[in-house]
Amino acid sequence: MAPEALSRQQIDDALDGLPGWQADGDTLIRRFTFSGHLPAAAMVVHVAAIQEELNHHAEQTLGYNSLRVAVNTHSAGGRITALDIALARRITEIAAGHGAS
């Protein structure tokens, strides 16, 4: 059974607890910045491990000192679900440890 898409109100409520994240259409997006390339790359690997644990994967775009994360749920028609919120929360929890702002 595919996860259910969240309503706009549910998404907005969840975003209140996810600083820096925003909904761009049907995708949750956050851009993190770092002091250099290695901390950004390390966070990519850490996020990949979390994604494997949750069996839910985001699109990560690594720049020199930045990481852009975009996530939605393909099995819900590319909409935002509780899976996306859970992944965003986990990513937010580890970001400070990588020096992300």
N, C-alpha and C. Protein backbone atom coordinates (compact mmCIF):
# COMPACT_ATOMS: atom_id res chain seq x y z
N MET A 1 0.84 -1.18 0.00
CA MET A 1 0.00 0.00 0.00
C MET A 1 0.89 1.25 0.00
N ALA A 2 0.63 2.13 -0.91
CA ALA A 2 1.43 3.36 -1.03
C ALA A 2 1.09 4.33 0.10
N PRO A 3 2.09 5.08 0.55
CA PRO A 3 1.83 6.10 1.58
C PRO A 3 0.89 7.17 1.03
N GLU A 4 0.13 7.78 1.93
CA GLU A 4 -0.81 8.81 1.52
C GLU A 4 -0.13 10.18 1.48
N ALA A 5 -0.49 10.95 0.47
CA ALA A 5 -0.01 12.33 0.37
C ALA A 5 -0.58 13.14 1.51
N LEU A 6 0.23 14.06 2.03
CA LEU A 6 -0.22 14.95 3.09
C LEU A 6 -0.97 16.14 2.51
N SER A 7 -1.87 16.69 3.30
CA SER A 7 -2.58 17.91 2.88
C SER A 7 -1.61 19.09 3.01
N ARG A 8 -1.97 20.18 2.37
CA ARG A 8 -1.15 21.40 2.46
C ARG A 8 -1.01 21.83 3.92
N GLN A 9 -2.09 21.73 4.70
CA GLN A 9 -2.05 22.11 6.11
C GLN A 9 -1.11 21.20 6.89
N GLN A 10 -1.15 19.92 6.63
CA GLN A 10 -0.25 18.98 7.31
C GLN A 10 1.21 19.28 6.97
N ILE A 11 1.46 19.62 5.73
CA ILE A 11 2.82 19.96 5.30
C ILE A 11 3.27 21.24 6.00
N ASP A 12 2.42 22.26 6.00
CA ASP A 12 2.76 23.53 6.65
C ASP A 12 3.02 23.33 8.14
N ASP A 13 2.20 22.51 8.79
CA ASP A 13 2.40 22.23 10.22
C ASP A 13 3.74 21.55 10.45
N ALA A 14 4.08 20.59 9.60
CA ALA A 14 5.36 19.88 9.74
C ALA A 14 6.54 20.82 9.49
N LEU A 15 6.40 21.73 8.53
CA LEU A 15 7.49 22.66 8.21
C LEU A 15 7.78 23.61 9.36
N ASP A 16 6.79 23.86 10.21
CA ASP A 16 7.02 24.72 11.38
C ASP A 16 8.14 24.16 12.26
N GLY A 17 8.30 22.84 12.27
CA GLY A 17 9.34 22.21 13.07
C GLY A 17 10.57 21.81 12.28
N LEU A 18 10.66 22.27 11.04
CA LEU A 18 11.80 21.93 10.18
C LEU A 18 12.43 23.21 9.62
N PRO A 19 13.23 23.90 10.44
CA PRO A 19 13.81 25.17 9.98
C PRO A 19 14.64 25.01 8.71
N GLY A 20 14.42 25.92 7.79
CA GLY A 20 15.17 25.94 6.54
C GLY A 20 14.55 25.11 5.43
N TRP A 21 13.64 24.21 5.75
CA TRP A 21 12.97 23.41 4.74
C TRP A 21 11.79 24.18 4.18
N GLN A 22 11.50 23.94 2.92
CA GLN A 22 10.33 24.56 2.30
C GLN A 22 9.69 23.57 1.34
N ALA A 23 8.43 23.78 1.09
CA ALA A 23 7.73 22.98 0.09
C ALA A 23 7.74 23.78 -1.21
N ASP A 24 8.31 23.18 -2.24
CA ASP A 24 8.31 23.77 -3.57
C ASP A 24 7.44 22.87 -4.43
N GLY A 25 6.18 23.24 -4.56
CA GLY A 25 5.23 22.36 -5.23
C GLY A 25 5.05 21.11 -4.39
N ASP A 26 5.33 19.96 -4.97
CA ASP A 26 5.17 18.69 -4.28
C ASP A 26 6.51 18.11 -3.81
N THR A 27 7.46 18.97 -3.50
CA THR A 27 8.78 18.52 -3.07
C THR A 27 9.24 19.32 -1.87
N LEU A 28 9.80 18.63 -0.88
CA LEU A 28 10.46 19.31 0.24
C LEU A 28 11.90 19.57 -0.15
N ILE A 29 12.36 20.79 0.10
CA ILE A 29 13.71 21.19 -0.32
C ILE A 29 14.42 21.92 0.82
N ARG A 30 15.71 21.64 0.94
CA ARG A 30 16.55 22.40 1.86
C ARG A 30 17.94 22.47 1.29
N ARG A 31 18.57 23.63 1.41
CA ARG A 31 19.95 23.81 0.99
C ARG A 31 20.78 24.07 2.24
N PHE A 32 21.85 23.32 2.39
CA PHE A 32 22.78 23.47 3.51
C PHE A 32 24.09 24.03 2.97
N THR A 33 24.75 24.85 3.77
CA THR A 33 26.08 25.34 3.40
C THR A 33 27.08 24.90 4.46
N PHE A 34 28.34 24.77 4.05
CA PHE A 34 29.41 24.24 4.88
C PHE A 34 30.66 25.09 4.72
N SER A 35 31.64 24.83 5.57
CA SER A 35 32.90 25.58 5.50
C SER A 35 33.76 25.15 4.31
N GLY A 36 33.49 24.04 3.71
CA GLY A 36 34.26 23.56 2.56
C GLY A 36 33.62 22.31 1.98
N HIS A 37 34.34 21.70 1.05
CA HIS A 37 33.81 20.56 0.31
C HIS A 37 33.74 19.28 1.15
N LEU A 38 34.76 18.99 1.94
CA LEU A 38 34.76 17.73 2.69
C LEU A 38 33.60 17.60 3.68
N PRO A 39 33.27 18.64 4.45
CA PRO A 39 32.10 18.51 5.33
C PRO A 39 30.80 18.29 4.54
N ALA A 40 30.69 18.93 3.40
CA ALA A 40 29.49 18.74 2.57
C ALA A 40 29.42 17.31 2.05
N ALA A 41 30.55 16.79 1.59
CA ALA A 41 30.59 15.42 1.07
C ALA A 41 30.32 14.41 2.19
N ALA A 42 30.84 14.68 3.38
CA ALA A 42 30.60 13.78 4.51
C ALA A 42 29.11 13.72 4.84
N MET A 43 28.45 14.85 4.74
CA MET A 43 27.02 14.84 5.04
C MET A 43 26.25 14.04 3.99
N VAL A 44 26.67 14.10 2.74
CA VAL A 44 26.03 13.30 1.70
C VAL A 44 26.06 11.82 2.08
N VAL A 45 27.21 11.36 2.55
CA VAL A 45 27.35 9.95 2.93
C VAL A 45 26.47 9.63 4.14
N HIS A 46 26.43 10.54 5.11
CA HIS A 46 25.60 10.33 6.29
C HIS A 46 24.12 10.28 5.91
N VAL A 47 23.70 11.18 5.05
CA VAL A 47 22.30 11.18 4.58
C VAL A 47 22.01 9.88 3.82
N ALA A 48 22.95 9.42 3.02
CA ALA A 48 22.75 8.17 2.29
C ALA A 48 22.51 7.00 3.25
N ALA A 49 23.24 6.98 4.36
CA ALA A 49 23.06 5.91 5.35
C ALA A 49 21.66 5.98 5.97
N ILE A 50 21.22 7.18 6.27
CA ILE A 50 19.87 7.36 6.83
C ILE A 50 18.82 6.92 5.82
N GLN A 51 19.02 7.28 4.57
CA GLN A 51 18.07 6.90 3.53
C GLN A 51 17.96 5.38 3.42
N GLU A 52 19.08 4.70 3.51
CA GLU A 52 19.05 3.24 3.45
C GLU A 52 18.30 2.67 4.64
N GLU A 53 18.54 3.25 5.82
CA GLU A 53 17.85 2.80 7.03
C GLU A 53 16.34 2.97 6.90
N LEU A 54 15.90 4.11 6.36
CA LEU A 54 14.48 4.40 6.22
C LEU A 54 13.87 3.80 4.95
N ASN A 55 14.74 3.31 4.05
CA ASN A 55 14.30 2.83 2.74
C ASN A 55 13.48 3.90 2.02
N HIS A 56 14.00 5.12 2.09
CA HIS A 56 13.35 6.27 1.44
C HIS A 56 14.47 7.22 1.03
N HIS A 57 14.50 7.60 -0.22
CA HIS A 57 15.66 8.29 -0.77
C HIS A 57 15.31 9.65 -1.35
N ALA A 58 16.19 10.60 -1.08
CA ALA A 58 16.07 11.97 -1.59
C ALA A 58 17.05 12.17 -2.74
N GLU A 59 16.84 13.23 -3.45
CA GLU A 59 17.81 13.67 -4.45
C GLU A 59 18.78 14.60 -3.73
N GLN A 60 20.07 14.27 -3.79
CA GLN A 60 21.09 15.11 -3.17
C GLN A 60 21.96 15.71 -4.26
N THR A 61 22.18 17.01 -4.18
CA THR A 61 23.03 17.69 -5.14
C THR A 61 24.18 18.34 -4.37
N LEU A 62 25.37 17.80 -4.57
CA LEU A 62 26.57 18.27 -3.87
C LEU A 62 27.26 19.35 -4.67
N GLY A 63 27.53 20.47 -4.01
CA GLY A 63 28.33 21.54 -4.59
C GLY A 63 29.65 21.63 -3.84
N TYR A 64 30.44 22.64 -4.13
CA TYR A 64 31.73 22.77 -3.45
C TYR A 64 31.54 22.81 -1.94
N ASN A 65 30.70 23.71 -1.47
CA ASN A 65 30.47 23.84 -0.02
C ASN A 65 28.97 23.87 0.28
N SER A 66 28.22 23.13 -0.51
CA SER A 66 26.77 23.12 -0.31
C SER A 66 26.18 21.76 -0.63
N LEU A 67 25.01 21.54 -0.08
CA LEU A 67 24.25 20.34 -0.36
C LEU A 67 22.79 20.75 -0.47
N ARG A 68 22.18 20.38 -1.57
CA ARG A 68 20.75 20.61 -1.76
C ARG A 68 20.06 19.25 -1.67
N VAL A 69 19.04 19.18 -0.84
CA VAL A 69 18.27 17.94 -0.67
C VAL A 69 16.85 18.22 -1.13
N ALA A 70 16.33 17.35 -1.98
CA ALA A 70 14.95 17.46 -2.45
C ALA A 70 14.31 16.09 -2.32
N VAL A 71 13.13 16.04 -1.71
CA VAL A 71 12.50 14.75 -1.46
C VAL A 71 10.98 14.81 -1.64
N ASN A 72 10.46 13.77 -2.26
CA ASN A 72 9.03 13.51 -2.31
C ASN A 72 8.87 12.00 -2.43
N THR A 73 7.66 11.52 -2.48
CA THR A 73 7.42 10.08 -2.49
C THR A 73 6.86 9.66 -3.84
N HIS A 74 7.68 8.95 -4.58
CA HIS A 74 7.28 8.53 -5.92
C HIS A 74 6.05 7.63 -5.90
N SER A 75 5.97 6.74 -4.91
CA SER A 75 4.83 5.81 -4.86
C SER A 75 3.52 6.49 -4.47
N ALA A 76 3.62 7.78 -4.10
CA ALA A 76 2.41 8.58 -3.80
C ALA A 76 2.20 9.61 -4.90
N GLY A 77 2.66 9.29 -6.08
CA GLY A 77 2.48 10.20 -7.21
C GLY A 77 3.39 11.41 -7.17
N GLY A 78 4.55 11.28 -6.51
CA GLY A 78 5.48 12.40 -6.43
C GLY A 78 5.03 13.48 -5.46
N ARG A 79 4.20 13.13 -4.52
CA ARG A 79 3.68 14.08 -3.54
C ARG A 79 4.46 13.95 -2.23
N ILE A 80 4.23 14.85 -1.31
CA ILE A 80 4.89 14.84 0.00
C ILE A 80 4.08 13.97 0.95
N THR A 81 4.78 13.06 1.64
CA THR A 81 4.14 12.15 2.59
C THR A 81 4.88 12.23 3.94
N ALA A 82 4.37 11.47 4.89
CA ALA A 82 5.02 11.39 6.20
C ALA A 82 6.44 10.85 6.09
N LEU A 83 6.71 10.02 5.08
CA LEU A 83 8.07 9.51 4.86
C LEU A 83 9.03 10.65 4.59
N ASP A 84 8.60 11.63 3.82
CA ASP A 84 9.45 12.77 3.49
C ASP A 84 9.72 13.63 4.71
N ILE A 85 8.69 13.82 5.52
CA ILE A 85 8.84 14.59 6.76
C ILE A 85 9.83 13.89 7.68
N ALA A 86 9.69 12.57 7.82
CA ALA A 86 10.59 11.80 8.68
C ALA A 86 12.03 11.91 8.21
N LEU A 87 12.25 11.81 6.91
CA LEU A 87 13.60 11.93 6.37
C LEU A 87 14.15 13.34 6.60
N ALA A 88 13.34 14.35 6.35
CA ALA A 88 13.77 15.73 6.58
C ALA A 88 14.15 15.95 8.04
N ARG A 89 13.39 15.39 8.96
CA ARG A 89 13.71 15.52 10.39
C ARG A 89 15.05 14.88 10.70
N ARG A 90 15.27 13.69 10.19
CA ARG A 90 16.53 13.00 10.46
C ARG A 90 17.71 13.77 9.88
N ILE A 91 17.54 14.32 8.69
CA ILE A 91 18.62 15.11 8.07
C ILE A 91 18.89 16.35 8.90
N THR A 92 17.84 17.01 9.35
CA THR A 92 18.00 18.21 10.19
C THR A 92 18.76 17.88 11.47
N GLU A 93 18.47 16.72 12.05
CA GLU A 93 19.13 16.32 13.30
C GLU A 93 20.63 16.14 13.15
N ILE A 94 21.12 15.73 11.99
CA ILE A 94 22.55 15.50 11.82
C ILE A 94 23.30 16.70 11.24
N ALA A 95 22.57 17.66 10.72
CA ALA A 95 23.21 18.77 9.98
C ALA A 95 24.21 19.55 10.83
N ALA A 96 23.86 19.90 12.04
CA ALA A 96 24.76 20.69 12.88
C ALA A 96 26.08 19.95 13.14
N GLY A 97 26.00 18.64 13.29
CA GLY A 97 27.21 17.85 13.51
C GLY A 97 28.17 17.89 12.35
N HIS A 98 27.69 18.27 11.19
CA HIS A 98 28.54 18.41 10.01
C HIS A 98 28.92 19.88 9.75
N GLY A 99 28.52 20.74 10.67
CA GLY A 99 28.83 22.16 10.51
C GLY A 99 27.95 22.87 9.52
N ALA A 100 26.80 22.28 9.21
CA ALA A 100 25.91 22.87 8.20
C ALA A 100 25.15 24.06 8.76
N SER A 101 24.91 24.99 7.90
CA SER A 101 24.04 26.13 8.25
C SER A 101 23.00 26.28 7.17
